[in-house]
Amino acid sequence: MIVLFISLLFGFCIFFISRYILGNLQNIGREGVISNAAQDKKKANIVMPTIFRWAKNLGGRLAKIKNPRLKSYAAALSIELNSLGGEFEKIESYQFISLQLFSAVFLALICWVFISGNFMLVLLSALLALILPYLYVKQALSLRKEAIARQLPDTADLLSVMLESGLDFFGSADKVCKVLEGPLSDEFSKTISKIYLGYDKKLALFELGDKCGVDSLKFFVRTVNTALDAGVGMADTLKRLSQQMRQERASSAEKRAQEAPVKMLIPLVLFIFPTIFIVVFGPIAINFIQNGKGF
C-alpha cells in the first residue's frame, strides 16, 4: 500500500511539473517586450523566463559536448520541436535537454527532502522526470499530425472550389486558411506569407510538407508542385486527391478496428481475468482455508 501511494505521488509530481514547464512555453520571448500597463497582472511571470534563460545558458555548454548519442538525440529533438510549430519552434534542442535535466534534479530533490532518502527511489524519480517531457513532446506531435491529416481532405475540397471560381492556388489557400482553423491552416498561412515575401513557391511548399512530417501532406505537396510545373488546372486533381485521402483514412480506421481485439488481449489477460478469478474463486479459497471445504 505504501509503495502504491508513493508511486501515485511520484506520478502526480512528474505530471504537474512537466505540464507547468512545457505549458508555459509562451513566456520564452516575453523578456524585453514592452507590456501594456492595463494588462492582467496575473500574466506576469518571472519564474519561467528565468528558467528558460538558465536552460539556454546550460544548453550552450551542452552543445559543446562531443558525444555522438547526445548529438543524435539533439538533432532528432530539433526536428520534432520544429514540427510542433508555434512556441515550440522557439526553443532549441539543447535548451529542451536542459529543461529535462532541471525537472529531473528538481523532482529528485523533492523526493529526497519530503519523501525518502533511498537512493533507488531518488534515482527512479529523476529518471521519470527526465523522460516525461520528451514523452509529452512525442504525444503532442502525434496529435498534431493526426489533426493535420484529418484537416487535409477538407482543405483540398475547399481549394478545388476556390480554384473553380477563378482564383489562383495561393490566393485560394489564403482564403481557405481564414475559413478553417487548425495546425494545417497555421502552417499554410506561414508558407503563404513566405511566398508573398519573395520565397520560391515550390521550395516553400516542399518545406511545409517536410516540416509537418505527415505522409499525406507530402503527397499533396508533390501533387501541387507537379501541377504547377505542368501548368494544368488543379481543381479536378485536388478533388480526386481529397477522395483518395478519405478512402485511405477509412481504410486505416478499418485496419485499426481489426487490430483492436488483438491489442485488448494484453489488458484483458493482465487486469480483467485476474480480477474475475479473485472475485469468483477468492471466497471459495477463503472458505476452504477456514473450514477445510470449498462451499
Protein backbone atom coordinates (compact mmCIF):
# COMPACT_ATOMS: atom_id res chain seq x y z
CA MET A 1 0.00 0.00 0.00
CA ILE A 2 2.85 2.39 0.83
CA VAL A 3 4.59 1.58 -2.45
CA LEU A 4 1.37 2.28 -4.37
CA PHE A 5 0.90 5.60 -2.58
CA ILE A 6 4.47 6.68 -3.30
CA SER A 7 4.12 5.67 -6.96
CA LEU A 8 0.94 7.71 -7.33
CA LEU A 9 2.59 10.67 -5.61
CA PHE A 10 5.53 10.44 -7.99
CA GLY A 11 3.22 10.28 -10.95
CA PHE A 12 1.31 13.40 -9.93
CA CYS A 13 4.51 15.33 -9.18
CA ILE A 14 6.12 14.47 -12.51
CA PHE A 15 2.93 15.21 -14.44
CA PHE A 16 2.32 18.64 -12.93
CA ILE A 17 5.98 19.70 -13.11
CA SER A 18 6.26 18.72 -16.78
CA ARG A 19 2.95 20.35 -17.69
CA TYR A 20 3.93 23.51 -15.83
CA ILE A 21 7.26 23.81 -17.62
CA LEU A 22 6.06 22.85 -21.10
CA GLY A 23 2.73 24.62 -20.75
CA ASN A 24 4.47 27.97 -20.24
CA LEU A 25 6.49 28.00 -23.44
CA GLN A 26 4.71 31.18 -24.47
CA ASN A 27 6.86 33.02 -21.92
CA ILE A 28 10.08 32.30 -23.83
CA GLY A 29 10.03 35.52 -25.78
CA ARG A 30 8.34 37.68 -23.18
CA GLU A 31 11.53 39.32 -21.88
CA GLY A 32 12.32 42.65 -23.49
CA VAL A 33 8.78 43.16 -24.76
CA ILE A 34 7.10 46.40 -23.71
CA SER A 35 3.87 45.42 -21.99
CA ASN A 36 0.74 47.48 -21.59
CA ALA A 37 0.06 48.63 -18.02
CA ALA A 38 -3.59 47.64 -18.44
CA GLN A 39 -2.68 44.00 -18.98
CA ASP A 40 -3.74 41.48 -16.40
CA LYS A 41 -1.07 41.26 -13.70
CA LYS A 42 -1.72 37.56 -13.34
CA LYS A 43 0.01 37.02 -16.67
CA ALA A 44 3.27 38.45 -15.34
CA ASN A 45 5.63 35.61 -14.63
CA ILE A 46 9.31 35.99 -13.82
CA VAL A 47 9.91 32.35 -12.95
CA MET A 48 9.56 30.76 -16.38
CA PRO A 49 11.66 33.32 -18.33
CA THR A 50 14.40 32.84 -15.75
CA ILE A 51 14.22 29.04 -16.08
CA PHE A 52 14.36 29.26 -19.86
CA ARG A 53 17.30 31.66 -19.71
CA TRP A 54 19.20 29.28 -17.43
CA ALA A 55 18.28 26.40 -19.72
CA LYS A 56 19.58 28.31 -22.73
CA ASN A 57 22.89 29.01 -20.99
CA LEU A 58 23.26 25.37 -19.96
CA GLY A 59 22.22 24.28 -23.45
CA GLY A 60 25.06 26.30 -24.93
CA ARG A 61 27.51 24.34 -22.79
CA LEU A 62 25.87 21.02 -23.58
CA ALA A 63 26.20 21.77 -27.31
CA LYS A 64 29.99 21.78 -26.90
CA ILE A 65 29.98 18.17 -25.67
CA LYS A 66 31.16 15.92 -28.50
CA ASN A 67 29.08 12.88 -27.69
CA PRO A 68 27.57 11.08 -30.73
CA ARG A 69 24.49 9.90 -28.83
CA LEU A 70 23.83 13.36 -27.41
CA LYS A 71 24.29 14.92 -30.85
CA SER A 72 21.93 12.39 -32.43
CA TYR A 73 19.28 12.90 -29.74
CA ALA A 74 19.55 16.69 -30.05
CA ALA A 75 19.19 16.51 -33.85
CA ALA A 76 16.09 14.30 -33.64
CA LEU A 77 14.62 16.51 -30.91
CA SER A 78 15.23 19.62 -33.00
CA ILE A 79 13.22 18.13 -35.89
CA GLU A 80 10.35 17.19 -33.57
CA LEU A 81 10.23 20.61 -31.90
CA ASN A 82 10.27 22.29 -35.31
CA SER A 83 7.44 20.02 -36.48
CA LEU A 84 5.33 21.03 -33.48
CA GLY A 85 5.39 24.65 -34.62
CA GLY A 86 4.14 27.55 -32.53
CA GLU A 87 6.15 28.35 -29.45
CA PHE A 88 7.97 25.04 -29.62
CA GLU A 89 9.87 26.33 -32.66
CA LYS A 90 11.48 28.99 -30.50
CA ILE A 91 13.10 26.55 -28.13
CA GLU A 92 16.40 24.93 -29.07
CA SER A 93 17.03 21.23 -28.69
CA TYR A 94 19.82 21.65 -26.13
CA GLN A 95 17.66 24.12 -24.23
CA PHE A 96 14.95 21.48 -24.03
CA ILE A 97 17.50 18.91 -22.82
CA SER A 98 18.47 21.38 -20.11
CA LEU A 99 14.81 21.64 -19.09
CA GLN A 100 14.72 17.85 -18.82
CA LEU A 101 17.77 17.94 -16.53
CA PHE A 102 16.21 20.71 -14.42
CA SER A 103 12.99 18.73 -13.94
CA ALA A 104 14.98 15.59 -13.04
CA VAL A 105 17.06 17.41 -10.42
CA PHE A 106 14.05 19.24 -9.01
CA LEU A 107 11.94 16.11 -8.56
CA ALA A 108 14.90 14.18 -7.14
CA LEU A 109 15.32 16.91 -4.50
CA ILE A 110 11.61 16.78 -3.69
CA CYS A 111 11.82 13.02 -3.27
CA TRP A 112 14.95 13.23 -1.12
CA VAL A 113 13.66 16.02 1.15
CA PHE A 114 9.97 15.23 1.54
CA ILE A 115 9.50 11.52 0.77
CA SER A 116 12.53 9.30 1.21
CA GLY A 117 16.32 9.42 1.02
CA ASN A 118 16.51 5.97 -0.56
CA PHE A 119 18.99 6.14 -3.43
CA MET A 120 17.00 3.91 -5.79
CA LEU A 121 13.80 5.86 -5.15
CA VAL A 122 15.52 9.19 -5.80
CA LEU A 123 17.13 7.80 -8.95
CA LEU A 124 13.82 6.44 -10.19
CA SER A 125 12.08 9.79 -9.69
CA ALA A 126 14.89 11.58 -11.54
CA LEU A 127 14.70 9.17 -14.48
CA LEU A 128 10.92 9.53 -14.71
CA ALA A 129 11.16 13.32 -14.64
CA LEU A 130 13.87 13.16 -17.30
CA ILE A 131 11.82 11.03 -19.68
CA LEU A 132 8.35 12.51 -19.25
CA PRO A 133 8.95 15.90 -21.00
CA TYR A 134 10.12 14.05 -24.10
CA LEU A 135 7.07 11.79 -23.97
CA TYR A 136 4.92 14.92 -23.73
CA VAL A 137 6.52 16.24 -26.93
CA LYS A 138 6.02 12.91 -28.71
CA GLN A 139 2.34 12.82 -27.73
CA ALA A 140 1.77 16.44 -28.78
CA LEU A 141 3.49 15.77 -32.12
CA SER A 142 1.38 12.67 -32.72
CA LEU A 143 -1.85 14.59 -32.00
CA ARG A 144 -0.73 17.42 -34.28
CA LYS A 145 -0.01 15.03 -37.17
CA GLU A 146 -3.42 13.41 -36.73
CA ALA A 147 -5.11 16.83 -36.77
CA ILE A 148 -3.26 17.80 -39.97
CA ALA A 149 -4.19 14.51 -41.66
CA ARG A 150 -7.87 14.99 -40.69
CA GLN A 151 -7.97 18.57 -41.94
CA LEU A 152 -6.20 17.94 -45.26
CA PRO A 153 -9.16 16.44 -47.25
CA ASP A 154 -11.44 19.34 -46.29
CA THR A 155 -8.69 21.78 -47.24
CA ALA A 156 -8.28 20.11 -50.63
CA ASP A 157 -12.05 20.28 -51.26
CA LEU A 158 -12.22 23.98 -50.41
CA LEU A 159 -9.16 24.69 -52.53
CA SER A 160 -10.79 22.99 -55.53
CA VAL A 161 -13.93 25.10 -55.07
CA MET A 162 -11.88 28.30 -54.84
CA LEU A 163 -9.88 27.33 -57.94
CA GLU A 164 -13.07 26.71 -59.91
CA SER A 165 -14.21 30.23 -59.01
CA GLY A 166 -11.19 31.68 -60.82
CA LEU A 167 -8.62 32.28 -58.08
CA ASP A 168 -5.05 31.05 -58.29
CA PHE A 169 -3.77 28.36 -55.92
CA PHE A 170 -2.10 30.60 -53.37
CA GLY A 171 -4.95 33.11 -53.31
CA SER A 172 -7.31 30.20 -52.71
CA ALA A 173 -5.06 28.83 -49.97
CA ASP A 174 -5.04 32.23 -48.28
CA LYS A 175 -8.84 32.35 -48.18
CA VAL A 176 -9.12 28.73 -47.03
CA CYS A 177 -6.75 29.43 -44.13
CA LYS A 178 -9.10 32.18 -42.98
CA VAL A 179 -12.08 29.80 -43.06
CA LEU A 180 -10.58 26.68 -41.49
CA GLU A 181 -8.86 26.66 -38.12
CA GLY A 182 -6.19 24.19 -37.12
CA PRO A 183 -2.49 23.40 -37.36
CA LEU A 184 -2.62 22.90 -41.14
CA SER A 185 -4.15 26.34 -41.67
CA ASP A 186 -1.49 27.88 -39.44
CA GLU A 187 1.33 26.25 -41.40
CA PHE A 188 -0.25 27.19 -44.72
CA SER A 189 -0.54 30.81 -43.56
CA LYS A 190 3.16 30.88 -42.71
CA THR A 191 4.03 29.36 -46.08
CA ILE A 192 1.89 31.87 -47.99
CA SER A 193 3.48 34.75 -46.04
CA LYS A 194 6.93 33.48 -47.07
CA ILE A 195 5.84 33.27 -50.71
CA TYR A 196 4.42 36.81 -50.66
CA LEU A 197 7.79 37.99 -49.35
CA GLY A 198 9.53 36.53 -52.41
CA TYR A 199 10.32 32.98 -51.31
CA ASP A 200 10.31 30.29 -54.01
CA LYS A 201 6.85 28.71 -54.26
CA LYS A 202 7.88 25.11 -54.83
CA LEU A 203 10.57 25.25 -52.16
CA ALA A 204 8.14 26.79 -49.65
CA LEU A 205 5.59 24.02 -50.27
CA PHE A 206 8.30 21.36 -50.04
CA GLU A 207 9.47 22.77 -46.70
CA LEU A 208 5.84 22.76 -45.50
CA GLY A 209 5.49 19.04 -46.14
CA ASP A 210 8.93 18.25 -44.76
CA LYS A 211 8.33 20.26 -41.59
CA CYS A 212 4.96 18.73 -40.69
CA GLY A 213 6.16 15.17 -41.34
CA VAL A 214 2.74 13.90 -42.50
CA ASP A 215 2.88 11.47 -45.44
CA SER A 216 -0.45 12.56 -46.90
CA LEU A 217 0.64 16.20 -46.79
CA LYS A 218 3.92 15.34 -48.53
CA PHE A 219 1.96 13.60 -51.28
CA PHE A 220 -0.35 16.63 -51.50
CA VAL A 221 2.65 18.95 -51.88
CA ARG A 222 4.21 16.76 -54.58
CA THR A 223 0.92 16.78 -56.49
CA VAL A 224 0.60 20.56 -56.28
CA ASN A 225 4.22 21.12 -57.35
CA THR A 226 3.76 18.76 -60.30
CA ALA A 227 0.61 20.63 -61.35
CA LEU A 228 2.42 23.98 -61.03
CA ASP A 229 5.24 22.71 -63.24
CA ALA A 230 2.85 21.32 -65.85
CA GLY A 231 0.64 24.40 -65.75
CA VAL A 232 -2.56 22.36 -65.68
CA GLY A 233 -5.74 23.06 -63.74
CA MET A 234 -5.66 21.70 -60.23
CA ALA A 235 -9.34 21.77 -59.30
CA ASP A 236 -10.15 18.25 -60.56
CA THR A 237 -6.81 16.95 -59.29
CA LEU A 238 -7.48 18.23 -55.79
CA LYS A 239 -10.99 16.73 -55.81
CA ARG A 240 -9.64 13.30 -56.72
CA LEU A 241 -6.87 13.74 -54.19
CA SER A 242 -9.30 14.55 -51.38
CA GLN A 243 -11.41 11.49 -52.25
CA GLN A 244 -8.30 9.31 -52.24
CA MET A 245 -7.19 10.65 -48.85
CA ARG A 246 -10.64 10.00 -47.38
CA GLN A 247 -10.57 6.44 -48.70
CA GLU A 248 -7.12 5.90 -47.22
CA ARG A 249 -8.31 7.29 -43.89
CA ALA A 250 -11.31 4.96 -43.92
CA SER A 251 -9.05 2.00 -44.75
CA SER A 252 -6.72 2.97 -41.91
CA ALA A 253 -9.67 3.16 -39.50
CA GLU A 254 -10.85 -0.29 -40.58
CA LYS A 255 -7.35 -1.66 -40.07
CA ARG A 256 -7.16 -0.20 -36.55
CA ALA A 257 -10.61 -1.63 -35.77
CA GLN A 258 -9.44 -5.08 -36.85
CA GLU A 259 -6.32 -4.76 -34.69
CA ALA A 260 -8.29 -3.68 -31.61
CA PRO A 261 -9.28 -7.19 -30.41
CA VAL A 262 -5.66 -8.32 -30.54
CA LYS A 263 -4.49 -5.28 -28.58
CA MET A 264 -7.25 -5.80 -26.00
CA LEU A 265 -5.84 -9.22 -25.10
CA ILE A 266 -2.99 -7.72 -23.06
CA PRO A 267 -5.14 -5.67 -20.61
CA LEU A 268 -7.69 -8.47 -20.65
CA VAL A 269 -5.16 -11.08 -19.52
CA LEU A 270 -3.23 -8.82 -17.14
CA PHE A 271 -6.06 -6.96 -15.40
CA ILE A 272 -9.57 -8.25 -16.14
CA PHE A 273 -9.07 -12.02 -15.92
CA PRO A 274 -7.17 -11.90 -12.58
CA THR A 275 -9.92 -9.71 -11.11
CA ILE A 276 -12.59 -12.16 -12.24
CA PHE A 277 -10.65 -15.09 -10.78
CA ILE A 278 -10.27 -13.26 -7.46
CA VAL A 279 -13.99 -12.43 -7.30
CA VAL A 280 -15.10 -15.95 -8.26
CA PHE A 281 -12.53 -18.14 -6.54
CA GLY A 282 -11.49 -15.84 -3.68
CA PRO A 283 -14.43 -16.66 -1.36
CA ILE A 284 -14.02 -20.38 -2.17
CA ALA A 285 -10.33 -20.28 -1.25
CA ILE A 286 -11.02 -18.37 1.98
CA ASN A 287 -13.79 -20.79 2.96
CA PHE A 288 -11.56 -23.74 2.20
CA ILE A 289 -8.72 -22.35 4.32
CA GLN A 290 -11.00 -21.57 7.27
CA ASN A 291 -13.34 -24.60 7.22
CA GLY A 292 -11.48 -27.15 5.15
CA LYS A 293 -14.13 -27.25 2.40
CA GLY A 294 -14.85 -25.28 -0.72
CA PHE A 295 -18.51 -24.33 -0.12
